[in-house]
Amino acid sequence: MAMHQHEILPSWKKPVETVVIVLQKCPVSLAQYSPQTQRCKNELRDRFFHIGWHLVHTLDSPSDRWEIFDPRSGFPVRSPHGSLCLDDVAIACNSLDYEFRRQGTCATLIHPTWGDAVYPATLVSTASLDTARQCLTQHMPQLINRQLARV
């Protein structure tokens, strides 16, 4: 991400310090296109947006910027996008040393336990890893509990 930050987030002057990879387990394999996989992807995308929007609005500050990326397009949601999009599967593979399977132009992440039934998404921040970890630890439990109560 660091070497391509200007092409992905051209308006950000401070470097991205923290990448938050959000992995959601899907009830079906995401390797094959079907109406059921599309429905699951849409539901998991909506869940990610619900949690992610709350996080970036809560945690974003003049000193520490936060951004959520649309897993469908790879473009930032709140910031102007540049000439490149973010690839959630590539980020997870490179950061977590996970495998992937290519299906035409799409790539499916292979989780060590969930297999190809995993939906990746990404948040980034200029906050240090320690600051981001503290913020997420403070705000995530109530978000996760609130989200699970809605399901």
N, C-alpha and C. Protein backbone atom coordinates (compact mmCIF):
# COMPACT_ATOMS: atom_id res chain seq x y z
N MET A 1 0.83 -1.19 0.00
CA MET A 1 0.00 0.00 0.00
C MET A 1 0.87 1.24 0.00
N ALA A 2 1.97 1.23 0.78
CA ALA A 2 2.79 2.42 0.95
C ALA A 2 3.31 2.95 -0.38
N MET A 3 3.78 2.08 -1.25
CA MET A 3 4.35 2.58 -2.49
C MET A 3 3.29 3.07 -3.47
N HIS A 4 2.04 2.69 -3.27
CA HIS A 4 0.96 3.11 -4.17
C HIS A 4 -0.04 4.06 -3.51
N GLN A 5 0.28 4.56 -2.33
CA GLN A 5 -0.69 5.38 -1.60
C GLN A 5 -1.17 6.57 -2.43
N HIS A 6 -0.26 7.24 -3.12
CA HIS A 6 -0.66 8.43 -3.88
C HIS A 6 -1.65 8.07 -5.01
N GLU A 7 -1.52 6.87 -5.57
CA GLU A 7 -2.46 6.46 -6.63
C GLU A 7 -3.78 5.97 -6.06
N ILE A 8 -3.80 5.56 -4.78
CA ILE A 8 -5.02 5.05 -4.16
C ILE A 8 -5.75 6.14 -3.37
N LEU A 9 -4.99 6.93 -2.60
CA LEU A 9 -5.54 8.02 -1.77
C LEU A 9 -4.75 9.31 -2.06
N PRO A 10 -4.97 9.93 -3.22
CA PRO A 10 -4.14 11.08 -3.61
C PRO A 10 -4.26 12.30 -2.70
N SER A 11 -5.35 12.43 -1.96
CA SER A 11 -5.52 13.62 -1.11
C SER A 11 -4.86 13.46 0.27
N TRP A 12 -4.40 12.26 0.60
CA TRP A 12 -3.78 12.02 1.91
C TRP A 12 -2.32 12.44 1.86
N LYS A 13 -1.93 13.32 2.76
CA LYS A 13 -0.54 13.78 2.84
C LYS A 13 0.28 12.92 3.80
N LYS A 14 -0.34 12.49 4.91
CA LYS A 14 0.35 11.60 5.86
C LYS A 14 0.30 10.17 5.34
N PRO A 15 1.33 9.39 5.62
CA PRO A 15 1.32 8.01 5.14
C PRO A 15 0.36 7.12 5.93
N VAL A 16 -0.14 6.10 5.24
CA VAL A 16 -0.94 5.08 5.91
C VAL A 16 -0.02 4.29 6.81
N GLU A 17 -0.39 4.20 8.09
CA GLU A 17 0.41 3.47 9.08
C GLU A 17 -0.22 2.12 9.44
N THR A 18 -1.56 2.04 9.33
CA THR A 18 -2.26 0.85 9.78
C THR A 18 -3.27 0.41 8.72
N VAL A 19 -3.27 -0.87 8.44
CA VAL A 19 -4.25 -1.48 7.55
C VAL A 19 -5.04 -2.48 8.40
N VAL A 20 -6.36 -2.33 8.42
CA VAL A 20 -7.23 -3.23 9.18
C VAL A 20 -7.94 -4.12 8.18
N ILE A 21 -7.66 -5.40 8.26
CA ILE A 21 -8.29 -6.38 7.37
C ILE A 21 -9.46 -7.00 8.12
N VAL A 22 -10.64 -6.88 7.56
CA VAL A 22 -11.85 -7.43 8.17
C VAL A 22 -12.25 -8.66 7.35
N LEU A 23 -12.28 -9.80 8.02
CA LEU A 23 -12.67 -11.04 7.36
C LEU A 23 -13.99 -11.51 7.96
N GLN A 24 -14.97 -11.73 7.09
CA GLN A 24 -16.27 -12.23 7.54
C GLN A 24 -16.50 -13.61 6.95
N LYS A 25 -16.92 -14.53 7.79
CA LYS A 25 -17.24 -15.87 7.32
C LYS A 25 -18.57 -15.85 6.57
N CYS A 26 -18.58 -16.50 5.45
CA CYS A 26 -19.78 -16.58 4.62
C CYS A 26 -20.39 -17.97 4.75
N PRO A 27 -21.70 -18.10 4.72
CA PRO A 27 -22.31 -19.43 4.83
C PRO A 27 -22.14 -20.30 3.58
N VAL A 28 -21.68 -19.70 2.47
CA VAL A 28 -21.48 -20.46 1.23
C VAL A 28 -20.13 -20.13 0.62
N SER A 29 -19.66 -20.99 -0.25
CA SER A 29 -18.43 -20.73 -1.00
C SER A 29 -18.63 -19.50 -1.88
N LEU A 30 -17.62 -18.65 -1.93
CA LEU A 30 -17.69 -17.48 -2.80
C LEU A 30 -16.93 -17.68 -4.11
N ALA A 31 -16.50 -18.92 -4.37
CA ALA A 31 -15.69 -19.21 -5.54
C ALA A 31 -16.51 -19.23 -6.84
N GLN A 32 -17.76 -19.57 -6.76
CA GLN A 32 -18.60 -19.66 -7.96
C GLN A 32 -19.69 -18.60 -7.94
N TYR A 33 -19.97 -18.04 -9.09
CA TYR A 33 -21.04 -17.05 -9.19
C TYR A 33 -22.39 -17.75 -9.16
N SER A 34 -23.27 -17.25 -8.29
CA SER A 34 -24.65 -17.72 -8.25
C SER A 34 -25.48 -16.64 -7.57
N PRO A 35 -26.79 -16.69 -7.72
CA PRO A 35 -27.63 -15.72 -7.00
C PRO A 35 -27.40 -15.77 -5.49
N GLN A 36 -27.19 -16.97 -4.95
CA GLN A 36 -26.97 -17.11 -3.51
C GLN A 36 -25.65 -16.45 -3.09
N THR A 37 -24.56 -16.65 -3.85
CA THR A 37 -23.29 -16.01 -3.49
C THR A 37 -23.39 -14.50 -3.62
N GLN A 38 -24.10 -14.02 -4.63
CA GLN A 38 -24.25 -12.57 -4.78
C GLN A 38 -25.04 -11.99 -3.61
N ARG A 39 -26.07 -12.69 -3.18
CA ARG A 39 -26.86 -12.23 -2.03
C ARG A 39 -25.99 -12.20 -0.78
N CYS A 40 -25.20 -13.25 -0.57
CA CYS A 40 -24.31 -13.29 0.60
C CYS A 40 -23.27 -12.18 0.54
N LYS A 41 -22.68 -11.96 -0.62
CA LYS A 41 -21.70 -10.87 -0.76
C LYS A 41 -22.33 -9.52 -0.44
N ASN A 42 -23.54 -9.30 -0.93
CA ASN A 42 -24.23 -8.03 -0.65
C ASN A 42 -24.51 -7.86 0.84
N GLU A 43 -24.94 -8.94 1.50
CA GLU A 43 -25.22 -8.86 2.94
C GLU A 43 -23.94 -8.60 3.73
N LEU A 44 -22.84 -9.27 3.37
CA LEU A 44 -21.58 -9.07 4.08
C LEU A 44 -21.00 -7.68 3.79
N ARG A 45 -21.16 -7.21 2.58
CA ARG A 45 -20.73 -5.83 2.25
C ARG A 45 -21.52 -4.82 3.08
N ASP A 46 -22.83 -5.01 3.16
CA ASP A 46 -23.66 -4.10 3.97
C ASP A 46 -23.24 -4.14 5.44
N ARG A 47 -22.96 -5.32 5.96
CA ARG A 47 -22.53 -5.44 7.36
C ARG A 47 -21.19 -4.72 7.57
N PHE A 48 -20.26 -4.91 6.63
CA PHE A 48 -18.98 -4.23 6.71
C PHE A 48 -19.17 -2.71 6.68
N PHE A 49 -20.02 -2.22 5.78
CA PHE A 49 -20.27 -0.78 5.72
C PHE A 49 -20.88 -0.26 7.01
N HIS A 50 -21.81 -1.01 7.58
CA HIS A 50 -22.44 -0.58 8.82
C HIS A 50 -21.40 -0.38 9.92
N ILE A 51 -20.54 -1.36 10.09
CA ILE A 51 -19.50 -1.28 11.12
C ILE A 51 -18.41 -0.29 10.71
N GLY A 52 -17.96 -0.39 9.47
CA GLY A 52 -16.87 0.47 8.99
C GLY A 52 -17.21 1.95 9.01
N TRP A 53 -18.42 2.31 8.57
CA TRP A 53 -18.82 3.71 8.58
C TRP A 53 -18.81 4.26 10.00
N HIS A 54 -19.34 3.47 10.92
CA HIS A 54 -19.36 3.92 12.31
C HIS A 54 -17.93 4.13 12.81
N LEU A 55 -17.05 3.20 12.51
CA LEU A 55 -15.67 3.31 12.96
C LEU A 55 -14.97 4.54 12.39
N VAL A 56 -15.05 4.74 11.08
CA VAL A 56 -14.31 5.86 10.50
C VAL A 56 -14.88 7.19 10.97
N HIS A 57 -16.19 7.28 11.14
CA HIS A 57 -16.77 8.53 11.65
C HIS A 57 -16.42 8.77 13.11
N THR A 58 -16.31 7.70 13.88
CA THR A 58 -15.97 7.82 15.29
C THR A 58 -14.49 8.12 15.49
N LEU A 59 -13.63 7.47 14.71
CA LEU A 59 -12.19 7.52 14.96
C LEU A 59 -11.45 8.59 14.14
N ASP A 60 -12.03 9.04 13.05
CA ASP A 60 -11.36 10.03 12.21
C ASP A 60 -11.16 11.33 12.97
N SER A 61 -9.96 11.88 12.88
CA SER A 61 -9.64 13.13 13.58
C SER A 61 -8.63 13.90 12.73
N PRO A 62 -8.38 15.16 13.06
CA PRO A 62 -7.37 15.91 12.30
C PRO A 62 -5.98 15.26 12.35
N SER A 63 -5.68 14.58 13.45
CA SER A 63 -4.35 13.97 13.56
C SER A 63 -4.29 12.55 12.98
N ASP A 64 -5.40 11.83 12.99
CA ASP A 64 -5.43 10.45 12.50
C ASP A 64 -6.61 10.25 11.55
N ARG A 65 -6.30 10.12 10.27
CA ARG A 65 -7.36 9.91 9.28
C ARG A 65 -7.67 8.42 9.18
N TRP A 66 -8.93 8.11 8.87
CA TRP A 66 -9.39 6.75 8.66
C TRP A 66 -10.19 6.70 7.36
N GLU A 67 -10.08 5.59 6.66
CA GLU A 67 -10.84 5.43 5.41
C GLU A 67 -11.33 4.00 5.30
N ILE A 68 -12.51 3.87 4.73
CA ILE A 68 -13.12 2.58 4.45
C ILE A 68 -13.12 2.41 2.93
N PHE A 69 -12.85 1.20 2.49
CA PHE A 69 -12.83 0.91 1.05
C PHE A 69 -14.00 0.03 0.69
N ASP A 70 -14.62 0.34 -0.44
CA ASP A 70 -15.73 -0.47 -0.93
C ASP A 70 -15.16 -1.77 -1.48
N PRO A 71 -15.52 -2.91 -0.87
CA PRO A 71 -14.98 -4.19 -1.35
C PRO A 71 -15.36 -4.49 -2.81
N ARG A 72 -16.45 -3.93 -3.27
CA ARG A 72 -16.90 -4.20 -4.64
C ARG A 72 -16.04 -3.46 -5.66
N SER A 73 -15.74 -2.19 -5.40
CA SER A 73 -15.00 -1.39 -6.38
C SER A 73 -13.52 -1.24 -6.05
N GLY A 74 -13.19 -1.32 -4.75
CA GLY A 74 -11.81 -1.09 -4.33
C GLY A 74 -11.48 0.38 -4.14
N PHE A 75 -12.46 1.25 -4.29
CA PHE A 75 -12.22 2.68 -4.13
C PHE A 75 -12.57 3.15 -2.71
N PRO A 76 -11.88 4.19 -2.23
CA PRO A 76 -12.22 4.74 -0.92
C PRO A 76 -13.63 5.32 -0.95
N VAL A 77 -14.31 5.26 0.18
CA VAL A 77 -15.69 5.72 0.25
C VAL A 77 -15.77 7.21 0.58
N ARG A 78 -14.88 7.71 1.44
CA ARG A 78 -14.97 9.09 1.90
C ARG A 78 -13.99 10.02 1.22
N SER A 79 -12.90 9.51 0.71
CA SER A 79 -11.84 10.34 0.12
C SER A 79 -11.91 10.25 -1.40
N PRO A 80 -11.41 11.29 -2.07
CA PRO A 80 -11.32 11.18 -3.54
C PRO A 80 -10.42 10.00 -3.90
N HIS A 81 -10.82 9.26 -4.93
CA HIS A 81 -9.99 8.12 -5.30
C HIS A 81 -9.04 8.52 -6.43
N GLY A 82 -8.00 7.74 -6.52
CA GLY A 82 -6.98 8.00 -7.52
C GLY A 82 -7.09 7.06 -8.70
N SER A 83 -5.95 6.77 -9.30
CA SER A 83 -5.92 5.96 -10.51
C SER A 83 -5.90 4.46 -10.23
N LEU A 84 -5.63 4.06 -8.99
CA LEU A 84 -5.62 2.65 -8.61
C LEU A 84 -6.69 2.37 -7.57
N CYS A 85 -7.18 1.14 -7.58
CA CYS A 85 -8.11 0.71 -6.53
C CYS A 85 -7.41 -0.28 -5.62
N LEU A 86 -7.96 -0.45 -4.44
CA LEU A 86 -7.41 -1.37 -3.45
C LEU A 86 -7.98 -2.77 -3.70
N ASP A 87 -7.14 -3.77 -3.66
CA ASP A 87 -7.55 -5.15 -3.87
C ASP A 87 -7.54 -5.86 -2.51
N ASP A 88 -8.73 -6.06 -1.93
CA ASP A 88 -8.84 -6.67 -0.61
C ASP A 88 -8.23 -8.06 -0.56
N VAL A 89 -8.40 -8.85 -1.60
CA VAL A 89 -7.84 -10.20 -1.63
C VAL A 89 -6.31 -10.13 -1.62
N ALA A 90 -5.74 -9.25 -2.44
CA ALA A 90 -4.28 -9.11 -2.48
C ALA A 90 -3.73 -8.62 -1.15
N ILE A 91 -4.43 -7.67 -0.52
CA ILE A 91 -3.99 -7.16 0.79
C ILE A 91 -3.97 -8.30 1.80
N ALA A 92 -5.04 -9.10 1.86
CA ALA A 92 -5.11 -10.21 2.82
C ALA A 92 -4.04 -11.27 2.50
N CYS A 93 -3.86 -11.58 1.24
CA CYS A 93 -2.85 -12.59 0.86
C CYS A 93 -1.45 -12.13 1.25
N ASN A 94 -1.13 -10.89 0.94
CA ASN A 94 0.22 -10.38 1.23
C ASN A 94 0.45 -10.18 2.72
N SER A 95 -0.57 -9.73 3.43
CA SER A 95 -0.40 -9.44 4.86
C SER A 95 -0.50 -10.67 5.74
N LEU A 96 -1.38 -11.59 5.40
CA LEU A 96 -1.65 -12.74 6.24
C LEU A 96 -1.08 -14.04 5.69
N ASP A 97 -0.46 -13.95 4.53
CA ASP A 97 0.12 -15.11 3.86
C ASP A 97 -0.94 -16.16 3.54
N TYR A 98 -2.13 -15.70 3.11
CA TYR A 98 -3.20 -16.59 2.69
C TYR A 98 -3.06 -16.87 1.20
N GLU A 99 -3.66 -17.94 0.77
CA GLU A 99 -3.71 -18.30 -0.64
C GLU A 99 -4.93 -17.66 -1.28
N PHE A 100 -4.97 -17.70 -2.60
CA PHE A 100 -6.15 -17.25 -3.34
C PHE A 100 -6.32 -18.14 -4.55
N ARG A 101 -7.53 -18.11 -5.09
CA ARG A 101 -7.85 -18.86 -6.30
C ARG A 101 -8.41 -17.87 -7.32
N ARG A 102 -7.87 -17.90 -8.52
CA ARG A 102 -8.33 -17.00 -9.57
C ARG A 102 -9.44 -17.69 -10.36
N GLN A 103 -10.52 -16.94 -10.62
CA GLN A 103 -11.65 -17.42 -11.43
C GLN A 103 -11.93 -16.35 -12.47
N GLY A 104 -11.32 -16.47 -13.61
CA GLY A 104 -11.44 -15.43 -14.63
C GLY A 104 -10.72 -14.19 -14.16
N THR A 105 -11.44 -13.07 -14.08
CA THR A 105 -10.84 -11.81 -13.63
C THR A 105 -10.95 -11.61 -12.12
N CYS A 106 -11.66 -12.51 -11.44
CA CYS A 106 -11.84 -12.37 -9.99
C CYS A 106 -10.91 -13.32 -9.24
N ALA A 107 -10.58 -12.92 -8.02
CA ALA A 107 -9.77 -13.76 -7.14
C ALA A 107 -10.57 -14.00 -5.86
N THR A 108 -10.52 -15.22 -5.38
CA THR A 108 -11.20 -15.60 -4.14
C THR A 108 -10.16 -15.93 -3.09
N LEU A 109 -10.29 -15.31 -1.94
CA LEU A 109 -9.39 -15.56 -0.83
C LEU A 109 -9.64 -16.96 -0.28
N ILE A 110 -8.56 -17.63 0.12
CA ILE A 110 -8.68 -18.95 0.74
C ILE A 110 -8.21 -18.82 2.19
N HIS A 111 -9.17 -18.89 3.10
CA HIS A 111 -8.89 -18.80 4.53
C HIS A 111 -8.44 -20.18 5.02
N PRO A 112 -7.50 -20.24 5.96
CA PRO A 112 -7.02 -21.55 6.41
C PRO A 112 -8.09 -22.43 7.07
N THR A 113 -9.13 -21.84 7.64
CA THR A 113 -10.20 -22.61 8.27
C THR A 113 -11.49 -22.57 7.46
N TRP A 114 -11.84 -21.41 6.94
CA TRP A 114 -13.12 -21.21 6.26
C TRP A 114 -13.06 -21.52 4.77
N GLY A 115 -11.88 -21.79 4.26
CA GLY A 115 -11.74 -22.07 2.82
C GLY A 115 -12.11 -20.85 2.00
N ASP A 116 -12.91 -21.06 0.94
CA ASP A 116 -13.28 -19.95 0.05
C ASP A 116 -14.61 -19.31 0.47
N ALA A 117 -15.02 -19.54 1.71
CA ALA A 117 -16.26 -18.94 2.24
C ALA A 117 -15.90 -17.78 3.17
N VAL A 118 -15.11 -16.84 2.64
CA VAL A 118 -14.66 -15.69 3.42
C VAL A 118 -14.75 -14.43 2.57
N TYR A 119 -15.21 -13.34 3.19
CA TYR A 119 -15.39 -12.07 2.51
C TYR A 119 -14.44 -11.05 3.13
N PRO A 120 -13.40 -10.63 2.39
CA PRO A 120 -12.45 -9.66 2.94
C PRO A 120 -12.87 -8.22 2.64
N ALA A 121 -12.50 -7.33 3.54
CA ALA A 121 -12.72 -5.90 3.36
C ALA A 121 -11.61 -5.16 4.12
N THR A 122 -11.43 -3.88 3.83
CA THR A 122 -10.26 -3.17 4.35
C THR A 122 -10.60 -1.76 4.82
N LEU A 123 -9.99 -1.40 5.96
CA LEU A 123 -9.95 -0.03 6.47
C LEU A 123 -8.47 0.35 6.55
N VAL A 124 -8.16 1.63 6.37
CA VAL A 124 -6.78 2.09 6.56
C VAL A 124 -6.79 3.35 7.42
N SER A 125 -5.63 3.63 8.02
CA SER A 125 -5.52 4.80 8.89
C SER A 125 -4.09 5.33 8.90
N THR A 126 -3.99 6.62 9.17
CA THR A 126 -2.68 7.22 9.40
C THR A 126 -2.25 7.04 10.85
N ALA A 127 -3.14 6.51 11.68
CA ALA A 127 -2.82 6.27 13.09
C ALA A 127 -1.77 5.17 13.20
N SER A 128 -0.94 5.27 14.21
CA SER A 128 0.04 4.22 14.46
C SER A 128 -0.69 2.93 14.81
N LEU A 129 0.00 1.83 14.69
CA LEU A 129 -0.61 0.54 15.02
C LEU A 129 -1.10 0.51 16.46
N ASP A 130 -0.30 1.04 17.39
CA ASP A 130 -0.72 1.05 18.80
C ASP A 130 -1.98 1.89 19.01
N THR A 131 -2.03 3.08 18.39
CA THR A 131 -3.21 3.95 18.52
C THR A 131 -4.42 3.28 17.89
N ALA A 132 -4.24 2.71 16.70
CA ALA A 132 -5.35 2.05 16.02
C ALA A 132 -5.85 0.87 16.83
N ARG A 133 -4.94 0.07 17.37
CA ARG A 133 -5.33 -1.09 18.18
C ARG A 133 -6.13 -0.64 19.40
N GLN A 134 -5.68 0.42 20.05
CA GLN A 134 -6.38 0.94 21.23
C GLN A 134 -7.78 1.43 20.84
N CYS A 135 -7.89 2.17 19.76
CA CYS A 135 -9.18 2.69 19.31
C CYS A 135 -10.13 1.55 18.94
N LEU A 136 -9.63 0.58 18.20
CA LEU A 136 -10.48 -0.53 17.77
C LEU A 136 -10.90 -1.39 18.95
N THR A 137 -10.00 -1.62 19.88
CA THR A 137 -10.34 -2.40 21.08
C THR A 137 -11.44 -1.70 21.87
N GLN A 138 -11.36 -0.39 21.92
CA GLN A 138 -12.34 0.39 22.67
C GLN A 138 -13.70 0.41 21.98
N HIS A 139 -13.72 0.49 20.64
CA HIS A 139 -14.97 0.69 19.92
C HIS A 139 -15.57 -0.56 19.28
N MET A 140 -14.76 -1.57 19.02
CA MET A 140 -15.27 -2.74 18.32
C MET A 140 -16.21 -3.62 19.14
N PRO A 141 -15.97 -3.88 20.42
CA PRO A 141 -16.88 -4.79 21.13
C PRO A 141 -18.34 -4.35 21.07
N GLN A 142 -18.59 -3.07 21.30
CA GLN A 142 -19.99 -2.64 21.26
C GLN A 142 -20.54 -2.66 19.84
N LEU A 143 -19.71 -2.41 18.84
CA LEU A 143 -20.18 -2.47 17.45
C LEU A 143 -20.51 -3.91 17.06
N ILE A 144 -19.64 -4.83 17.43
CA ILE A 144 -19.88 -6.22 17.08
C ILE A 144 -21.14 -6.72 17.78
N ASN A 145 -21.30 -6.42 19.06
CA ASN A 145 -22.49 -6.85 19.79
C ASN A 145 -23.74 -6.23 19.20
N ARG A 146 -23.68 -4.95 18.83
CA ARG A 146 -24.84 -4.28 18.24
C ARG A 146 -25.17 -4.92 16.89
N GLN A 147 -24.15 -5.20 16.08
CA GLN A 147 -24.37 -5.81 14.77
C GLN A 147 -24.95 -7.21 14.91
N LEU A 148 -24.41 -8.01 15.84
CA LEU A 148 -24.93 -9.36 16.00
C LEU A 148 -26.36 -9.34 16.51
N ALA A 149 -26.72 -8.34 17.28
CA ALA A 149 -28.10 -8.25 17.76
C ALA A 149 -29.06 -7.97 16.61
N ARG A 150 -28.56 -7.32 15.55
CA ARG A 150 -29.42 -7.00 14.40
C ARG A 150 -29.62 -8.19 13.49
N VAL A 151 -28.69 -9.14 13.50
CA VAL A 151 -28.73 -10.27 12.55
C VAL A 151 -29.85 -11.22 12.88
